[in-house]
Amino acid sequence: MNDSDNIQEGNEETLLEFPCSFSIKAMGKDENDFDTHVTTLVRRHVTDLSEGAVKTRPSKNGNFISVTVTITATSKRQLDDIYYDLTADERVMMAL
């Protein structure tokens, strides 16, 4: 028996216990409502973003912006899907 035998389909092992509060950060150029764009990408996977869930921080010179969205994550699959959408988007330079 190996570790992969312990992983049920769709229920991969993770150190997180769901549901849990989880912060997702995306960075990109501070143009064309980047914060709204990131929030829209996350909302595809989260139906109940609370008020104050989105925080932004401009870079020192104002060329870039980081957007942090705090969600109640329900599964590893949900987080994987969010990160896939963020990293696949050409406007997102980095997602953490």
N, C-alpha and C. Protein backbone atom coordinates (compact mmCIF):
# COMPACT_ATOMS: atom_id res chain seq x y z
N MET A 1 0.85 -1.18 0.00
CA MET A 1 0.00 0.00 0.00
C MET A 1 0.90 1.24 0.00
N ASN A 2 0.62 2.17 -0.87
CA ASN A 2 1.40 3.41 -0.89
C ASN A 2 0.49 4.60 -0.65
N ASP A 3 1.11 5.78 -0.58
CA ASP A 3 0.33 6.99 -0.26
C ASP A 3 -0.78 7.24 -1.26
N SER A 4 -0.57 6.90 -2.52
CA SER A 4 -1.60 7.17 -3.51
C SER A 4 -2.84 6.30 -3.28
N ASP A 5 -2.67 5.16 -2.60
CA ASP A 5 -3.82 4.33 -2.28
C ASP A 5 -4.72 4.99 -1.24
N ASN A 6 -4.14 5.90 -0.45
CA ASN A 6 -4.90 6.58 0.59
C ASN A 6 -5.67 7.79 0.08
N ILE A 7 -5.43 8.15 -1.16
CA ILE A 7 -6.07 9.34 -1.73
C ILE A 7 -7.29 8.89 -2.53
N GLN A 8 -8.44 9.31 -2.08
CA GLN A 8 -9.66 8.99 -2.81
C GLN A 8 -9.81 9.97 -3.96
N GLU A 9 -10.46 9.53 -5.02
CA GLU A 9 -10.67 10.40 -6.17
C GLU A 9 -11.39 11.67 -5.74
N GLY A 10 -10.82 12.83 -6.11
CA GLY A 10 -11.42 14.11 -5.77
C GLY A 10 -11.19 14.53 -4.33
N ASN A 11 -10.47 13.73 -3.56
CA ASN A 11 -10.23 14.06 -2.16
C ASN A 11 -8.74 13.94 -1.86
N GLU A 12 -7.93 14.76 -2.53
CA GLU A 12 -6.49 14.71 -2.38
C GLU A 12 -6.08 15.14 -0.98
N GLU A 13 -4.96 14.61 -0.52
CA GLU A 13 -4.47 14.98 0.80
C GLU A 13 -4.00 16.42 0.81
N THR A 14 -4.24 17.09 1.91
CA THR A 14 -3.81 18.47 2.09
C THR A 14 -3.64 18.72 3.59
N LEU A 15 -2.84 19.70 3.91
CA LEU A 15 -2.65 20.07 5.31
C LEU A 15 -3.77 20.96 5.82
N LEU A 16 -4.58 21.47 4.91
CA LEU A 16 -5.68 22.36 5.28
C LEU A 16 -6.90 21.54 5.70
N GLU A 17 -7.67 22.09 6.62
CA GLU A 17 -8.94 21.49 7.00
C GLU A 17 -10.04 22.41 6.50
N PHE A 18 -10.94 21.86 5.71
CA PHE A 18 -12.00 22.66 5.09
C PHE A 18 -13.30 22.50 5.85
N PRO A 19 -14.12 23.56 5.87
CA PRO A 19 -13.86 24.89 5.31
C PRO A 19 -12.86 25.66 6.16
N CYS A 20 -12.16 26.60 5.52
CA CYS A 20 -11.19 27.42 6.23
C CYS A 20 -11.04 28.77 5.54
N SER A 21 -10.59 29.74 6.31
CA SER A 21 -10.30 31.05 5.75
C SER A 21 -8.98 30.96 4.99
N PHE A 22 -8.94 31.51 3.78
CA PHE A 22 -7.75 31.40 2.94
C PHE A 22 -7.59 32.69 2.15
N SER A 23 -6.39 33.24 2.17
CA SER A 23 -6.10 34.48 1.43
C SER A 23 -5.35 34.16 0.15
N ILE A 24 -5.84 34.72 -0.94
CA ILE A 24 -5.26 34.55 -2.26
C ILE A 24 -4.75 35.90 -2.71
N LYS A 25 -3.50 35.96 -3.15
CA LYS A 25 -2.93 37.23 -3.59
C LYS A 25 -2.55 37.14 -5.06
N ALA A 26 -2.93 38.16 -5.82
CA ALA A 26 -2.56 38.25 -7.23
C ALA A 26 -1.93 39.61 -7.47
N MET A 27 -0.91 39.63 -8.32
CA MET A 27 -0.22 40.88 -8.64
C MET A 27 -0.21 41.11 -10.14
N GLY A 28 -0.33 42.39 -10.50
CA GLY A 28 -0.31 42.76 -11.91
C GLY A 28 -0.14 44.25 -12.06
N LYS A 29 -0.18 44.73 -13.30
CA LYS A 29 -0.06 46.16 -13.55
C LYS A 29 -1.29 46.88 -13.03
N ASP A 30 -1.08 48.05 -12.46
CA ASP A 30 -2.17 48.84 -11.89
C ASP A 30 -2.86 49.62 -13.00
N GLU A 31 -3.67 48.91 -13.78
CA GLU A 31 -4.40 49.53 -14.88
C GLU A 31 -5.67 48.74 -15.17
N ASN A 32 -6.60 49.41 -15.81
CA ASN A 32 -7.84 48.77 -16.27
C ASN A 32 -8.56 47.98 -15.19
N ASP A 33 -8.71 48.57 -14.00
CA ASP A 33 -9.46 47.93 -12.91
C ASP A 33 -8.98 46.51 -12.62
N PHE A 34 -7.67 46.37 -12.44
CA PHE A 34 -7.09 45.06 -12.17
C PHE A 34 -7.73 44.39 -10.96
N ASP A 35 -8.01 45.17 -9.91
CA ASP A 35 -8.62 44.59 -8.71
C ASP A 35 -9.99 43.99 -9.00
N THR A 36 -10.78 44.67 -9.80
CA THR A 36 -12.10 44.15 -10.18
C THR A 36 -11.96 42.89 -11.02
N HIS A 37 -10.98 42.89 -11.90
CA HIS A 37 -10.72 41.73 -12.76
C HIS A 37 -10.38 40.50 -11.92
N VAL A 38 -9.48 40.66 -10.95
CA VAL A 38 -9.09 39.54 -10.08
C VAL A 38 -10.30 39.06 -9.27
N THR A 39 -11.07 39.99 -8.75
CA THR A 39 -12.25 39.62 -7.96
C THR A 39 -13.23 38.82 -8.82
N THR A 40 -13.40 39.21 -10.07
CA THR A 40 -14.29 38.48 -10.98
C THR A 40 -13.80 37.06 -11.20
N LEU A 41 -12.48 36.89 -11.37
CA LEU A 41 -11.92 35.55 -11.55
C LEU A 41 -12.18 34.67 -10.33
N VAL A 42 -12.01 35.24 -9.15
CA VAL A 42 -12.22 34.47 -7.92
C VAL A 42 -13.71 34.15 -7.73
N ARG A 43 -14.58 35.11 -8.05
CA ARG A 43 -16.03 34.91 -7.87
C ARG A 43 -16.58 33.75 -8.71
N ARG A 44 -15.87 33.34 -9.74
CA ARG A 44 -16.31 32.17 -10.52
C ARG A 44 -16.38 30.92 -9.64
N HIS A 45 -15.61 30.93 -8.57
CA HIS A 45 -15.48 29.74 -7.73
C HIS A 45 -15.99 29.95 -6.31
N VAL A 46 -16.31 31.20 -5.96
CA VAL A 46 -16.75 31.54 -4.60
C VAL A 46 -18.04 32.34 -4.71
N THR A 47 -19.10 31.84 -4.13
CA THR A 47 -20.39 32.52 -4.27
C THR A 47 -20.64 33.55 -3.18
N ASP A 48 -19.92 33.46 -2.08
CA ASP A 48 -20.24 34.31 -0.94
C ASP A 48 -19.03 35.11 -0.44
N LEU A 49 -18.51 35.99 -1.27
CA LEU A 49 -17.43 36.86 -0.81
C LEU A 49 -18.00 37.86 0.18
N SER A 50 -17.40 37.94 1.34
CA SER A 50 -17.91 38.86 2.34
C SER A 50 -17.44 40.29 2.07
N GLU A 51 -18.14 41.23 2.66
CA GLU A 51 -17.75 42.63 2.53
C GLU A 51 -16.38 42.79 3.19
N GLY A 52 -15.48 43.46 2.53
CA GLY A 52 -14.14 43.64 3.05
C GLY A 52 -13.20 42.50 2.72
N ALA A 53 -13.64 41.57 1.88
CA ALA A 53 -12.81 40.41 1.53
C ALA A 53 -11.68 40.77 0.58
N VAL A 54 -11.80 41.91 -0.10
CA VAL A 54 -10.80 42.30 -1.10
C VAL A 54 -10.01 43.49 -0.58
N LYS A 55 -8.69 43.33 -0.57
CA LYS A 55 -7.80 44.42 -0.16
C LYS A 55 -6.76 44.63 -1.25
N THR A 56 -6.41 45.89 -1.49
CA THR A 56 -5.42 46.20 -2.51
C THR A 56 -4.26 46.97 -1.91
N ARG A 57 -3.12 46.85 -2.57
CA ARG A 57 -1.94 47.59 -2.14
C ARG A 57 -1.12 47.94 -3.37
N PRO A 58 -0.93 49.23 -3.64
CA PRO A 58 -0.13 49.63 -4.80
C PRO A 58 1.37 49.44 -4.51
N SER A 59 2.15 49.29 -5.58
CA SER A 59 3.60 49.21 -5.42
C SER A 59 4.14 50.59 -5.08
N LYS A 60 5.39 50.64 -4.70
CA LYS A 60 6.02 51.89 -4.27
C LYS A 60 5.89 52.98 -5.33
N ASN A 61 6.10 52.64 -6.59
CA ASN A 61 6.03 53.62 -7.67
C ASN A 61 4.66 53.69 -8.34
N GLY A 62 3.72 52.88 -7.89
CA GLY A 62 2.36 52.93 -8.41
C GLY A 62 2.17 52.25 -9.75
N ASN A 63 3.16 51.50 -10.22
CA ASN A 63 3.02 50.82 -11.51
C ASN A 63 2.28 49.49 -11.39
N PHE A 64 2.37 48.88 -10.22
CA PHE A 64 1.79 47.56 -10.00
C PHE A 64 0.87 47.60 -8.78
N ILE A 65 0.05 46.56 -8.67
CA ILE A 65 -0.88 46.47 -7.54
C ILE A 65 -0.99 45.01 -7.12
N SER A 66 -1.12 44.80 -5.82
CA SER A 66 -1.42 43.46 -5.33
C SER A 66 -2.86 43.47 -4.82
N VAL A 67 -3.55 42.40 -5.11
CA VAL A 67 -4.94 42.24 -4.70
C VAL A 67 -5.02 40.98 -3.84
N THR A 68 -5.47 41.13 -2.62
CA THR A 68 -5.64 39.98 -1.73
C THR A 68 -7.13 39.76 -1.52
N VAL A 69 -7.57 38.55 -1.83
CA VAL A 69 -8.97 38.17 -1.65
C VAL A 69 -9.02 37.06 -0.60
N THR A 70 -9.71 37.31 0.49
CA THR A 70 -9.84 36.31 1.55
C THR A 70 -11.19 35.62 1.39
N ILE A 71 -11.14 34.31 1.26
CA ILE A 71 -12.35 33.52 1.03
C ILE A 71 -12.50 32.47 2.13
N THR A 72 -13.67 31.86 2.17
CA THR A 72 -13.86 30.65 2.95
C THR A 72 -13.73 29.50 1.96
N ALA A 73 -12.57 28.86 1.97
CA ALA A 73 -12.30 27.78 1.03
C ALA A 73 -13.04 26.52 1.48
N THR A 74 -13.62 25.83 0.52
CA THR A 74 -14.39 24.63 0.85
C THR A 74 -13.69 23.34 0.45
N SER A 75 -12.67 23.42 -0.42
CA SER A 75 -11.95 22.21 -0.84
C SER A 75 -10.64 22.58 -1.52
N LYS A 76 -9.76 21.60 -1.60
CA LYS A 76 -8.51 21.79 -2.33
C LYS A 76 -8.81 22.02 -3.80
N ARG A 77 -9.79 21.31 -4.31
CA ARG A 77 -10.16 21.45 -5.73
C ARG A 77 -10.58 22.89 -6.03
N GLN A 78 -11.34 23.51 -5.14
CA GLN A 78 -11.75 24.90 -5.32
C GLN A 78 -10.52 25.80 -5.41
N LEU A 79 -9.57 25.63 -4.49
CA LEU A 79 -8.35 26.45 -4.51
C LEU A 79 -7.55 26.20 -5.78
N ASP A 80 -7.42 24.95 -6.18
CA ASP A 80 -6.70 24.63 -7.42
C ASP A 80 -7.33 25.32 -8.62
N ASP A 81 -8.66 25.31 -8.68
CA ASP A 81 -9.37 25.94 -9.80
C ASP A 81 -9.16 27.46 -9.81
N ILE A 82 -9.18 28.07 -8.64
CA ILE A 82 -8.94 29.52 -8.55
C ILE A 82 -7.54 29.84 -9.03
N TYR A 83 -6.55 29.12 -8.52
CA TYR A 83 -5.16 29.37 -8.92
C TYR A 83 -4.94 29.09 -10.40
N TYR A 84 -5.61 28.09 -10.94
CA TYR A 84 -5.50 27.81 -12.37
C TYR A 84 -5.99 29.01 -13.18
N ASP A 85 -7.16 29.53 -12.83
CA ASP A 85 -7.70 30.69 -13.55
C ASP A 85 -6.80 31.91 -13.42
N LEU A 86 -6.27 32.15 -12.23
CA LEU A 86 -5.41 33.31 -12.03
C LEU A 86 -4.11 33.19 -12.82
N THR A 87 -3.46 32.04 -12.75
CA THR A 87 -2.18 31.89 -13.44
C THR A 87 -2.33 31.78 -14.95
N ALA A 88 -3.50 31.40 -15.42
CA ALA A 88 -3.74 31.32 -16.86
C ALA A 88 -4.08 32.69 -17.46
N ASP A 89 -4.42 33.65 -16.62
CA ASP A 89 -4.83 34.97 -17.10
C ASP A 89 -3.61 35.82 -17.42
N GLU A 90 -3.59 36.41 -18.59
CA GLU A 90 -2.42 37.19 -19.04
C GLU A 90 -2.20 38.46 -18.23
N ARG A 91 -3.22 38.97 -17.58
CA ARG A 91 -3.06 40.19 -16.78
C ARG A 91 -2.45 39.93 -15.41
N VAL A 92 -2.54 38.70 -14.95
CA VAL A 92 -2.00 38.34 -13.63
C VAL A 92 -0.54 37.93 -13.80
N MET A 93 0.34 38.70 -13.18
CA MET A 93 1.78 38.43 -13.30
C MET A 93 2.24 37.37 -12.30
N MET A 94 1.57 37.30 -11.14
CA MET A 94 1.93 36.34 -10.11
C MET A 94 0.73 36.10 -9.21
N ALA A 95 0.58 34.86 -8.78
CA ALA A 95 -0.48 34.51 -7.83
C ALA A 95 0.13 33.70 -6.70
N LEU A 96 -0.20 34.10 -5.47
CA LEU A 96 0.32 33.41 -4.28
C LEU A 96 -0.84 32.95 -3.40
